[in-house]
Amino acid sequence: MTVNVYEQFFAADCTAAGVTRRAALVMLIADSEAGQIRYEAALTFFPHENEEDFAVSYDAYRSRTLYDAPGRRSRKREQKLMETFRAEIDALAAGIGGTVDWDAPLRPARFG
């Protein structure tokens, strides 16, 4: 079962595949199967042409596994992962020449 533990849209800056991206969706994803749990930090930049444009494209997507071990979801572990989440996302964004404006959320955070 895959769940977005946390997701939020932010203003961002990135050019990928020749397209200017003005927003990013950042996510902490939990994937559990057969007694194994994996957490992944992920982001995708997308064009965001206007205030209603949340058509997320996945051609500027990056992710990194933060935790992978036997077990199940843990709120304590998720809180610990959130402590370094922004730094992880910033590193992923920098890897493709992008930035996330953490001070400019486009929608409230959603927790799952």
N, C-alpha and C. Protein backbone atom coordinates (compact mmCIF):
# COMPACT_ATOMS: atom_id res chain seq x y z
N MET A 1 0.84 -1.18 0.00
CA MET A 1 0.00 0.00 0.00
C MET A 1 0.88 1.24 0.00
N THR A 2 0.62 2.14 -0.89
CA THR A 2 1.38 3.39 -1.00
C THR A 2 0.51 4.55 -0.54
N VAL A 3 1.07 5.38 0.35
CA VAL A 3 0.34 6.51 0.93
C VAL A 3 1.25 7.73 0.92
N ASN A 4 0.71 8.88 0.53
CA ASN A 4 1.44 10.12 0.69
C ASN A 4 1.23 10.58 2.13
N VAL A 5 2.25 10.40 2.95
CA VAL A 5 2.20 10.78 4.36
C VAL A 5 2.04 12.30 4.46
N TYR A 6 2.73 13.00 3.58
CA TYR A 6 2.69 14.47 3.53
C TYR A 6 2.80 14.89 2.08
N GLU A 7 2.03 15.90 1.70
CA GLU A 7 2.19 16.50 0.39
C GLU A 7 1.74 17.95 0.45
N GLN A 8 2.43 18.78 -0.34
CA GLN A 8 2.09 20.19 -0.38
C GLN A 8 2.64 20.81 -1.66
N PHE A 9 1.91 21.79 -2.17
CA PHE A 9 2.32 22.54 -3.35
C PHE A 9 3.00 23.83 -2.91
N PHE A 10 4.09 24.18 -3.58
CA PHE A 10 4.82 25.40 -3.29
C PHE A 10 5.17 26.10 -4.60
N ALA A 11 5.35 27.43 -4.52
CA ALA A 11 5.95 28.15 -5.64
C ALA A 11 7.37 27.61 -5.78
N ALA A 12 7.86 27.58 -7.00
CA ALA A 12 9.19 27.02 -7.24
C ALA A 12 9.76 27.61 -8.52
N ASP A 13 10.98 27.27 -8.79
CA ASP A 13 11.63 27.73 -10.01
C ASP A 13 12.50 26.61 -10.56
N CYS A 14 12.25 26.25 -11.81
CA CYS A 14 13.03 25.21 -12.45
C CYS A 14 12.73 25.24 -13.95
N THR A 15 13.72 24.94 -14.74
CA THR A 15 13.50 24.74 -16.17
C THR A 15 13.90 23.30 -16.48
N ALA A 16 12.96 22.54 -16.99
CA ALA A 16 13.21 21.14 -17.32
C ALA A 16 12.60 20.84 -18.67
N ALA A 17 13.31 20.11 -19.48
CA ALA A 17 12.86 19.76 -20.83
C ALA A 17 12.47 21.01 -21.62
N GLY A 18 13.17 22.11 -21.36
CA GLY A 18 12.92 23.35 -22.06
C GLY A 18 11.68 24.10 -21.63
N VAL A 19 11.04 23.66 -20.54
CA VAL A 19 9.81 24.27 -20.05
C VAL A 19 10.06 24.90 -18.68
N THR A 20 9.64 26.16 -18.52
CA THR A 20 9.76 26.84 -17.23
C THR A 20 8.72 26.28 -16.27
N ARG A 21 9.17 25.89 -15.09
CA ARG A 21 8.27 25.35 -14.06
C ARG A 21 8.21 26.38 -12.93
N ARG A 22 6.99 26.73 -12.49
CA ARG A 22 6.80 27.75 -11.48
C ARG A 22 6.26 27.20 -10.16
N ALA A 23 6.09 25.88 -10.09
CA ALA A 23 5.54 25.27 -8.87
C ALA A 23 6.11 23.87 -8.70
N ALA A 24 5.99 23.38 -7.48
CA ALA A 24 6.45 22.02 -7.18
C ALA A 24 5.49 21.37 -6.20
N LEU A 25 5.31 20.09 -6.38
CA LEU A 25 4.58 19.25 -5.44
C LEU A 25 5.64 18.45 -4.70
N VAL A 26 5.69 18.60 -3.37
CA VAL A 26 6.65 17.84 -2.56
C VAL A 26 5.88 16.80 -1.76
N MET A 27 6.49 15.62 -1.59
CA MET A 27 5.78 14.50 -0.95
C MET A 27 6.72 13.67 -0.09
N LEU A 28 6.20 13.17 1.02
CA LEU A 28 6.82 12.09 1.78
C LEU A 28 5.91 10.89 1.56
N ILE A 29 6.44 9.87 0.90
CA ILE A 29 5.65 8.71 0.49
C ILE A 29 6.04 7.50 1.31
N ALA A 30 5.04 6.79 1.83
CA ALA A 30 5.26 5.53 2.55
C ALA A 30 4.74 4.39 1.68
N ASP A 31 5.54 3.36 1.54
CA ASP A 31 5.17 2.20 0.76
C ASP A 31 5.41 0.96 1.61
N SER A 32 4.33 0.26 1.93
CA SER A 32 4.47 -0.94 2.76
C SER A 32 3.91 -2.15 2.02
N GLU A 33 4.69 -3.23 2.13
CA GLU A 33 4.28 -4.47 1.49
C GLU A 33 5.01 -5.63 2.14
N ALA A 34 4.27 -6.66 2.48
CA ALA A 34 4.83 -7.91 3.00
C ALA A 34 5.79 -7.68 4.17
N GLY A 35 5.39 -6.80 5.10
CA GLY A 35 6.21 -6.58 6.30
C GLY A 35 7.41 -5.69 6.09
N GLN A 36 7.46 -5.00 4.97
CA GLN A 36 8.57 -4.10 4.64
C GLN A 36 8.01 -2.68 4.52
N ILE A 37 8.70 -1.68 5.06
CA ILE A 37 8.27 -0.28 4.93
C ILE A 37 9.39 0.52 4.29
N ARG A 38 8.99 1.37 3.35
CA ARG A 38 9.95 2.24 2.68
C ARG A 38 9.36 3.65 2.65
N TYR A 39 10.18 4.63 3.02
CA TYR A 39 9.80 6.03 2.95
C TYR A 39 10.66 6.70 1.89
N GLU A 40 10.03 7.58 1.14
CA GLU A 40 10.69 8.23 0.03
C GLU A 40 10.33 9.72 0.03
N ALA A 41 11.32 10.59 -0.13
CA ALA A 41 11.09 12.01 -0.35
C ALA A 41 11.00 12.19 -1.86
N ALA A 42 10.02 12.94 -2.32
CA ALA A 42 9.85 13.11 -3.76
C ALA A 42 9.35 14.52 -4.07
N LEU A 43 9.71 14.99 -5.26
CA LEU A 43 9.17 16.25 -5.74
C LEU A 43 9.04 16.20 -7.24
N THR A 44 8.09 16.98 -7.74
CA THR A 44 7.93 17.16 -9.17
C THR A 44 7.64 18.62 -9.43
N PHE A 45 8.38 19.18 -10.37
CA PHE A 45 8.15 20.55 -10.80
C PHE A 45 7.13 20.54 -11.93
N PHE A 46 6.26 21.56 -11.96
CA PHE A 46 5.27 21.65 -13.03
C PHE A 46 5.03 23.12 -13.39
N PRO A 47 4.48 23.37 -14.59
CA PRO A 47 4.41 24.74 -15.11
C PRO A 47 3.62 25.76 -14.28
N HIS A 48 2.46 25.42 -13.77
CA HIS A 48 1.62 26.33 -12.98
C HIS A 48 1.45 27.67 -13.70
N GLU A 49 0.76 27.62 -14.83
CA GLU A 49 0.58 28.80 -15.68
C GLU A 49 -0.33 29.88 -15.08
N ASN A 50 -1.26 29.47 -14.20
CA ASN A 50 -2.15 30.43 -13.54
C ASN A 50 -2.58 29.87 -12.19
N GLU A 51 -3.36 30.63 -11.44
CA GLU A 51 -3.74 30.25 -10.07
C GLU A 51 -4.51 28.93 -9.99
N GLU A 52 -5.20 28.55 -11.06
CA GLU A 52 -5.97 27.30 -11.06
C GLU A 52 -5.21 26.13 -11.69
N ASP A 53 -4.05 26.37 -12.23
CA ASP A 53 -3.30 25.34 -12.94
C ASP A 53 -2.48 24.48 -11.98
N PHE A 54 -3.03 23.32 -11.65
CA PHE A 54 -2.31 22.34 -10.82
C PHE A 54 -2.16 21.03 -11.59
N ALA A 55 -2.01 21.15 -12.90
CA ALA A 55 -1.79 19.98 -13.75
C ALA A 55 -0.34 19.53 -13.56
N VAL A 56 -0.16 18.57 -12.71
CA VAL A 56 1.18 18.11 -12.34
C VAL A 56 1.73 17.22 -13.44
N SER A 57 2.91 17.57 -13.92
CA SER A 57 3.61 16.75 -14.89
C SER A 57 4.70 15.99 -14.15
N TYR A 58 5.02 14.82 -14.62
CA TYR A 58 6.02 14.00 -13.92
C TYR A 58 7.30 13.84 -14.73
N ASP A 59 7.55 14.75 -15.68
CA ASP A 59 8.80 14.68 -16.43
C ASP A 59 9.94 15.40 -15.70
N ALA A 60 9.63 16.13 -14.63
CA ALA A 60 10.65 16.79 -13.82
C ALA A 60 10.51 16.26 -12.38
N TYR A 61 10.50 14.94 -12.25
CA TYR A 61 10.28 14.24 -10.99
C TYR A 61 11.60 13.68 -10.47
N ARG A 62 11.81 13.83 -9.17
CA ARG A 62 12.99 13.24 -8.52
C ARG A 62 12.55 12.67 -7.18
N SER A 63 13.24 11.60 -6.75
CA SER A 63 12.93 11.00 -5.45
C SER A 63 14.17 10.37 -4.86
N ARG A 64 14.12 10.14 -3.56
CA ARG A 64 15.22 9.50 -2.84
C ARG A 64 14.62 8.69 -1.69
N THR A 65 15.08 7.45 -1.57
CA THR A 65 14.65 6.60 -0.46
C THR A 65 15.32 7.08 0.82
N LEU A 66 14.50 7.33 1.85
CA LEU A 66 15.02 7.80 3.13
C LEU A 66 15.13 6.69 4.16
N TYR A 67 14.29 5.67 4.00
CA TYR A 67 14.25 4.58 4.98
C TYR A 67 13.67 3.37 4.29
N ASP A 68 14.29 2.20 4.51
CA ASP A 68 13.81 0.96 3.92
C ASP A 68 14.23 -0.18 4.83
N ALA A 69 13.24 -0.80 5.51
CA ALA A 69 13.56 -1.85 6.47
C ALA A 69 12.30 -2.66 6.77
N PRO A 70 12.47 -3.81 7.38
CA PRO A 70 11.30 -4.56 7.83
C PRO A 70 10.53 -3.74 8.87
N GLY A 71 9.22 -3.84 8.84
CA GLY A 71 8.40 -3.13 9.81
C GLY A 71 7.13 -2.59 9.18
N ARG A 72 6.56 -1.61 9.85
CA ARG A 72 5.33 -0.99 9.38
C ARG A 72 5.41 0.51 9.62
N ARG A 73 4.38 1.23 9.19
CA ARG A 73 4.37 2.67 9.38
C ARG A 73 4.45 3.03 10.86
N SER A 74 5.15 4.12 11.12
CA SER A 74 5.32 4.59 12.49
C SER A 74 5.24 6.11 12.50
N ARG A 75 4.33 6.67 13.28
CA ARG A 75 4.22 8.13 13.38
C ARG A 75 5.50 8.75 13.92
N LYS A 76 6.12 8.08 14.86
CA LYS A 76 7.37 8.58 15.42
C LYS A 76 8.45 8.65 14.34
N ARG A 77 8.56 7.63 13.53
CA ARG A 77 9.53 7.61 12.43
C ARG A 77 9.20 8.69 11.41
N GLU A 78 7.92 8.85 11.10
CA GLU A 78 7.50 9.87 10.13
C GLU A 78 7.82 11.27 10.63
N GLN A 79 7.62 11.52 11.91
CA GLN A 79 7.98 12.82 12.49
C GLN A 79 9.49 13.06 12.39
N LYS A 80 10.26 12.03 12.63
CA LYS A 80 11.71 12.13 12.54
C LYS A 80 12.13 12.42 11.09
N LEU A 81 11.53 11.75 10.13
CA LEU A 81 11.84 11.98 8.72
C LEU A 81 11.47 13.41 8.30
N MET A 82 10.39 13.94 8.85
CA MET A 82 9.98 15.30 8.51
C MET A 82 10.97 16.35 9.01
N GLU A 83 11.76 16.01 10.00
CA GLU A 83 12.76 16.95 10.53
C GLU A 83 13.81 17.31 9.48
N THR A 84 14.11 16.37 8.60
CA THR A 84 15.14 16.61 7.56
C THR A 84 14.54 16.65 6.16
N PHE A 85 13.22 16.64 6.08
CA PHE A 85 12.53 16.57 4.80
C PHE A 85 12.89 17.72 3.87
N ARG A 86 12.84 18.95 4.37
CA ARG A 86 13.13 20.10 3.52
C ARG A 86 14.54 20.04 2.95
N ALA A 87 15.50 19.65 3.75
CA ALA A 87 16.88 19.53 3.26
C ALA A 87 16.97 18.47 2.17
N GLU A 88 16.26 17.36 2.33
CA GLU A 88 16.25 16.31 1.31
C GLU A 88 15.64 16.82 0.00
N ILE A 89 14.53 17.52 0.11
CA ILE A 89 13.87 18.07 -1.08
C ILE A 89 14.76 19.12 -1.75
N ASP A 90 15.39 19.97 -0.95
CA ASP A 90 16.29 20.98 -1.52
C ASP A 90 17.43 20.33 -2.30
N ALA A 91 17.96 19.23 -1.79
CA ALA A 91 19.04 18.53 -2.49
C ALA A 91 18.53 17.91 -3.79
N LEU A 92 17.35 17.33 -3.77
CA LEU A 92 16.77 16.77 -4.99
C LEU A 92 16.52 17.87 -6.03
N ALA A 93 15.99 19.00 -5.58
CA ALA A 93 15.70 20.12 -6.47
C ALA A 93 16.99 20.67 -7.08
N ALA A 94 18.01 20.83 -6.27
CA ALA A 94 19.29 21.34 -6.75
C ALA A 94 19.89 20.43 -7.80
N GLY A 95 19.62 19.13 -7.68
CA GLY A 95 20.13 18.16 -8.63
C GLY A 95 19.64 18.38 -10.05
N ILE A 96 18.53 19.08 -10.22
CA ILE A 96 18.04 19.39 -11.57
C ILE A 96 17.96 20.90 -11.79
N GLY A 97 18.67 21.64 -10.94
CA GLY A 97 18.75 23.09 -11.13
C GLY A 97 17.52 23.84 -10.69
N GLY A 98 16.76 23.29 -9.75
CA GLY A 98 15.53 23.94 -9.29
C GLY A 98 15.59 24.35 -7.84
N THR A 99 14.63 25.16 -7.44
CA THR A 99 14.49 25.56 -6.05
C THR A 99 13.01 25.56 -5.68
N VAL A 100 12.75 25.28 -4.41
CA VAL A 100 11.39 25.33 -3.85
C VAL A 100 11.33 26.53 -2.93
N ASP A 101 10.30 27.36 -3.07
CA ASP A 101 10.12 28.51 -2.19
C ASP A 101 9.25 28.09 -1.01
N TRP A 102 9.90 27.66 0.06
CA TRP A 102 9.20 27.14 1.24
C TRP A 102 8.31 28.19 1.90
N ASP A 103 8.56 29.46 1.64
CA ASP A 103 7.77 30.54 2.23
C ASP A 103 6.55 30.90 1.38
N ALA A 104 6.33 30.17 0.29
CA ALA A 104 5.22 30.46 -0.61
C ALA A 104 4.40 29.21 -0.92
N PRO A 105 3.69 28.67 0.08
CA PRO A 105 2.82 27.52 -0.21
C PRO A 105 1.66 27.95 -1.10
N LEU A 106 1.28 27.06 -2.03
CA LEU A 106 0.17 27.35 -2.94
C LEU A 106 -1.14 26.74 -2.44
N ARG A 107 -1.03 25.76 -1.58
CA ARG A 107 -2.18 25.11 -0.95
C ARG A 107 -1.75 24.64 0.43
N PRO A 108 -2.70 24.41 1.33
CA PRO A 108 -2.35 23.87 2.65
C PRO A 108 -1.78 22.45 2.53
N ALA A 109 -0.98 22.09 3.50
CA ALA A 109 -0.40 20.74 3.55
C ALA A 109 -1.51 19.71 3.75
N ARG A 110 -1.30 18.53 3.16
CA ARG A 110 -2.20 17.39 3.38
C ARG A 110 -1.40 16.25 4.00
N PHE A 111 -1.96 15.66 5.03
CA PHE A 111 -1.31 14.54 5.70
C PHE A 111 -2.18 13.30 5.56
N GLY A 112 -1.54 12.15 5.28
CA GLY A 112 -2.31 10.94 5.06
C GLY A 112 -1.99 9.85 6.02
